[in-house]
């Protein structure tokens, strides 16, 4: 269900490979058993919603829960994962992993699916997703889960991200071709040879 749109969802949360992702702001929109599992997981890991983590990943089996920190969830169009606590609810244990120094951290897409239907921030997230879909950026899910391949894919499509917008690169050749001062010199030399 990786490519599901917001309208395909009957309950809050993004569903991917037997896991459901939710932003902490949507916790009150879910069933009490799931909410209780999240609170238990946070207690086991010794972390607090919003201060330490802002996204929850719940396995469909209900046996594990991950508490994920995307510090710039709303500020970045495709936020980077910084910290993760994976909690095994059956044995009351957790493991911790940090991505804060990673050059290629996991990133998050389709943020609107993590929010409740009433969240006013959904609209901006949905708009960004629609543009990304129209550019074909979600056609191959294996290329979009980590920062570097994602940024490369955007460049290959001829765009760059500026805030929450995809901006057409166009004829900007400043990084890969003759630099502008060198180009100007070549042009002067050509004009002078006439």
Protein backbone atom coordinates (compact mmCIF):
# COMPACT_ATOMS: atom_id res chain seq x y z
CA UNK A 1 0.00 0.00 0.00
CA UNK A 2 3.05 2.19 -0.41
CA UNK A 3 1.56 4.39 -3.09
CA UNK A 4 -1.78 4.92 -1.39
CA UNK A 5 -3.23 8.38 -1.44
CA UNK A 6 -4.92 10.07 1.49
CA UNK A 7 -8.34 9.32 0.07
CA UNK A 8 -7.59 5.56 0.16
CA UNK A 9 -7.19 5.63 3.92
CA UNK A 10 -10.18 4.77 6.11
CA UNK A 11 -8.22 5.19 9.36
CA UNK A 12 -5.41 7.63 10.10
CA UNK A 13 -1.94 6.42 9.30
CA UNK A 14 0.30 5.56 6.40
CA UNK A 15 0.42 1.81 5.84
CA UNK A 16 3.62 0.29 4.47
CA UNK A 17 4.57 -3.40 4.48
CA UNK A 18 2.60 -4.43 7.56
CA UNK A 19 3.39 -1.27 9.47
CA UNK A 20 1.31 1.81 10.21
CA UNK A 21 2.89 5.26 10.63
CA UNK A 22 1.22 8.07 12.58
CA UNK A 23 2.22 11.53 13.70
CA UNK A 24 1.78 11.99 17.46
CA UNK A 25 -0.85 14.67 16.78
CA UNK A 26 -3.11 11.91 15.37
CA UNK A 27 -2.94 9.70 18.48
CA UNK A 28 -6.35 10.84 19.67
CA UNK A 29 -7.81 9.69 16.32
CA UNK A 30 -6.89 6.04 16.81
CA UNK A 31 -8.36 3.20 18.80
CA UNK A 32 -7.64 3.01 22.53
CA UNK A 33 -5.72 -0.30 22.28
CA UNK A 34 -3.24 1.16 19.79
CA UNK A 35 -2.95 4.36 21.80
CA UNK A 36 -2.26 2.27 24.91
CA UNK A 37 0.46 0.31 23.08
CA UNK A 38 2.15 3.57 22.08
CA UNK A 39 2.05 4.87 25.66
CA UNK A 40 3.46 1.56 26.93
CA UNK A 41 6.24 1.68 24.33
CA UNK A 42 7.15 5.24 25.32
CA UNK A 43 7.26 4.21 28.97
CA UNK A 44 9.53 1.23 28.23
CA UNK A 45 11.92 3.40 26.19
CA UNK A 46 11.75 6.27 28.67
CA UNK A 47 10.81 8.85 26.05
CA UNK A 48 8.06 11.46 25.70
CA UNK A 49 5.81 12.22 22.73
CA UNK A 50 6.68 15.48 20.97
CA UNK A 51 9.79 16.10 23.09
CA UNK A 52 11.69 12.93 22.07
CA UNK A 53 9.67 11.50 19.17
CA UNK A 54 6.91 12.70 16.86
CA UNK A 55 6.14 9.70 14.62
CA UNK A 56 5.00 6.23 15.63
CA UNK A 57 5.42 3.08 13.57
CA UNK A 58 3.20 0.26 14.76
CA UNK A 59 3.54 -3.29 13.46
CA UNK A 60 0.21 -4.77 12.44
CA UNK A 61 0.91 -7.72 14.74
CA UNK A 62 1.01 -5.28 17.66
CA UNK A 63 4.16 -6.85 19.07
CA UNK A 64 6.55 -4.01 18.22
CA UNK A 65 6.34 -0.26 18.04
CA UNK A 66 8.96 2.22 16.85
CA UNK A 67 9.10 5.76 18.21
CA UNK A 68 10.71 7.97 15.58
CA UNK A 69 12.16 11.45 15.78
CA UNK A 70 11.85 13.65 12.70
CA UNK A 71 12.83 16.98 14.31
CA UNK A 72 11.85 19.07 11.28
CA UNK A 73 8.69 17.16 10.39
CA UNK A 74 6.73 20.22 9.27
CA UNK A 75 9.67 22.45 8.29
CA UNK A 76 11.24 20.01 5.78
CA UNK A 77 9.23 18.81 2.78
CA UNK A 78 10.67 15.30 3.18
CA UNK A 79 12.00 15.17 6.75
CA UNK A 80 15.03 13.16 7.83
CA UNK A 81 14.91 10.54 10.55
CA UNK A 82 17.23 11.46 13.41
CA UNK A 83 16.49 8.92 16.16
CA UNK A 84 14.60 5.67 16.51
CA UNK A 85 13.53 3.61 19.50
CA UNK A 86 12.28 0.13 18.50
CA UNK A 87 10.25 -1.34 21.34
CA UNK A 88 9.37 -5.02 21.68
CA UNK A 89 6.13 -4.90 23.62
CA UNK A 90 6.11 -8.65 24.31
CA UNK A 91 9.39 -8.67 26.24
CA UNK A 92 9.44 -5.01 27.39
CA UNK A 93 12.76 -4.18 25.73
CA UNK A 94 13.90 -1.50 23.34
CA UNK A 95 16.82 -0.72 21.07
CA UNK A 96 17.98 2.76 20.10
CA UNK A 97 19.54 4.01 16.87
CA UNK A 98 20.65 7.47 15.84
CA UNK A 99 20.97 8.83 12.31
CA UNK A 100 22.09 12.31 13.37
CA UNK A 101 25.52 11.94 11.75
CA UNK A 102 24.37 9.86 8.80
CA UNK A 103 25.12 11.22 5.33
CA UNK A 104 22.21 9.20 3.97
CA UNK A 105 19.43 9.03 6.60
CA UNK A 106 15.98 7.61 5.97
CA UNK A 107 13.45 10.20 4.87
CA UNK A 108 9.68 10.46 5.06
CA UNK A 109 7.18 10.92 2.22
CA UNK A 110 3.41 11.43 2.08
CA UNK A 111 3.30 13.17 5.45
CA UNK A 112 -0.41 13.96 5.10
CA UNK A 113 -1.21 10.29 5.63
CA UNK A 114 0.30 10.47 9.12
CA UNK A 115 -1.98 13.32 10.17
CA UNK A 116 -5.61 13.24 11.21
CA UNK A 117 -8.19 14.30 8.63
CA UNK A 118 -8.89 17.48 10.63
CA UNK A 119 -5.26 18.64 10.81
CA UNK A 120 -4.96 21.98 8.96
CA UNK A 121 -1.36 21.15 7.97
CA UNK A 122 -2.56 18.27 5.79
CA UNK A 123 -3.37 20.52 2.86
CA UNK A 124 0.23 21.67 2.29
CA UNK A 125 1.49 18.10 2.64
CA UNK A 126 -1.11 16.80 0.17
CA UNK A 127 -0.20 19.48 -2.35
CA UNK A 128 3.47 18.50 -2.18
CA UNK A 129 2.61 14.82 -2.62
CA UNK A 130 0.47 15.56 -5.68
CA UNK A 131 3.31 17.44 -7.33
CA UNK A 132 5.79 14.65 -6.52
CA UNK A 133 3.36 12.11 -7.99
CA UNK A 134 2.90 14.20 -11.14
CA UNK A 135 6.69 14.27 -11.58
CA UNK A 136 6.80 10.47 -11.31
CA UNK A 137 8.96 10.55 -8.20
CA UNK A 138 7.09 7.74 -6.45
CA UNK A 139 7.12 5.29 -9.38
CA UNK A 140 10.01 3.24 -7.96
CA UNK A 141 9.67 3.01 -4.15
CA UNK A 142 13.12 1.40 -3.85
CA UNK A 143 14.73 4.74 -4.82
CA UNK A 144 13.00 7.08 -2.39
CA UNK A 145 13.57 5.87 1.17
CA UNK A 146 16.94 7.51 1.78
CA UNK A 147 18.17 11.07 1.34
CA UNK A 148 20.89 10.69 -1.31
CA UNK A 149 19.00 8.54 -3.84
CA UNK A 150 15.94 10.75 -3.34
CA UNK A 151 17.87 13.95 -4.05
CA UNK A 152 19.51 12.33 -7.07
CA UNK A 153 16.13 11.23 -8.42
CA UNK A 154 14.78 14.78 -8.10
CA UNK A 155 17.83 16.09 -10.01
CA UNK A 156 17.38 13.43 -12.71
CA UNK A 157 13.82 14.63 -13.20
CA UNK A 158 15.18 18.15 -13.74
CA UNK A 159 14.15 19.71 -10.43
CA UNK A 160 15.47 20.84 -7.09
CA UNK A 161 13.64 21.46 -3.84
CA UNK A 162 13.28 25.00 -2.58
CA UNK A 163 11.31 24.94 0.65
CA UNK A 164 8.18 22.91 -0.07
CA UNK A 165 8.32 23.48 -3.84
CA UNK A 166 9.89 21.62 -6.73
CA UNK A 167 11.69 24.18 -8.86
CA UNK A 168 12.61 23.40 -12.46
CA UNK A 169 16.37 23.47 -12.87
CA UNK A 170 16.01 24.46 -16.53
CA UNK A 171 19.22 25.43 -18.22
CA UNK A 172 21.23 25.98 -15.06
CA UNK A 173 24.59 24.52 -16.02
CA UNK A 174 26.65 26.17 -13.30
CA UNK A 175 27.57 22.90 -11.60
CA UNK A 176 28.30 20.61 -14.51
CA UNK A 177 29.44 22.69 -17.47
CA UNK A 178 31.67 25.62 -18.30
CA UNK A 179 31.62 28.23 -15.55
CA UNK A 180 30.10 31.59 -16.44
CA UNK A 181 33.37 33.58 -16.31
CA UNK A 182 35.01 30.98 -18.60
CA UNK A 183 32.00 31.04 -20.92
CA UNK A 184 32.16 34.83 -21.12
CA UNK A 185 35.84 34.64 -22.09
CA UNK A 186 35.13 32.05 -24.80
CA UNK A 187 32.34 34.27 -26.15
CA UNK A 188 34.65 37.31 -26.26
CA UNK A 189 37.30 35.24 -28.04
CA UNK A 190 34.77 34.06 -30.63
CA UNK A 191 33.45 37.57 -31.25
CA UNK A 192 37.01 38.89 -31.52
CA UNK A 193 37.88 36.33 -34.23
CA UNK A 194 35.27 37.68 -36.67
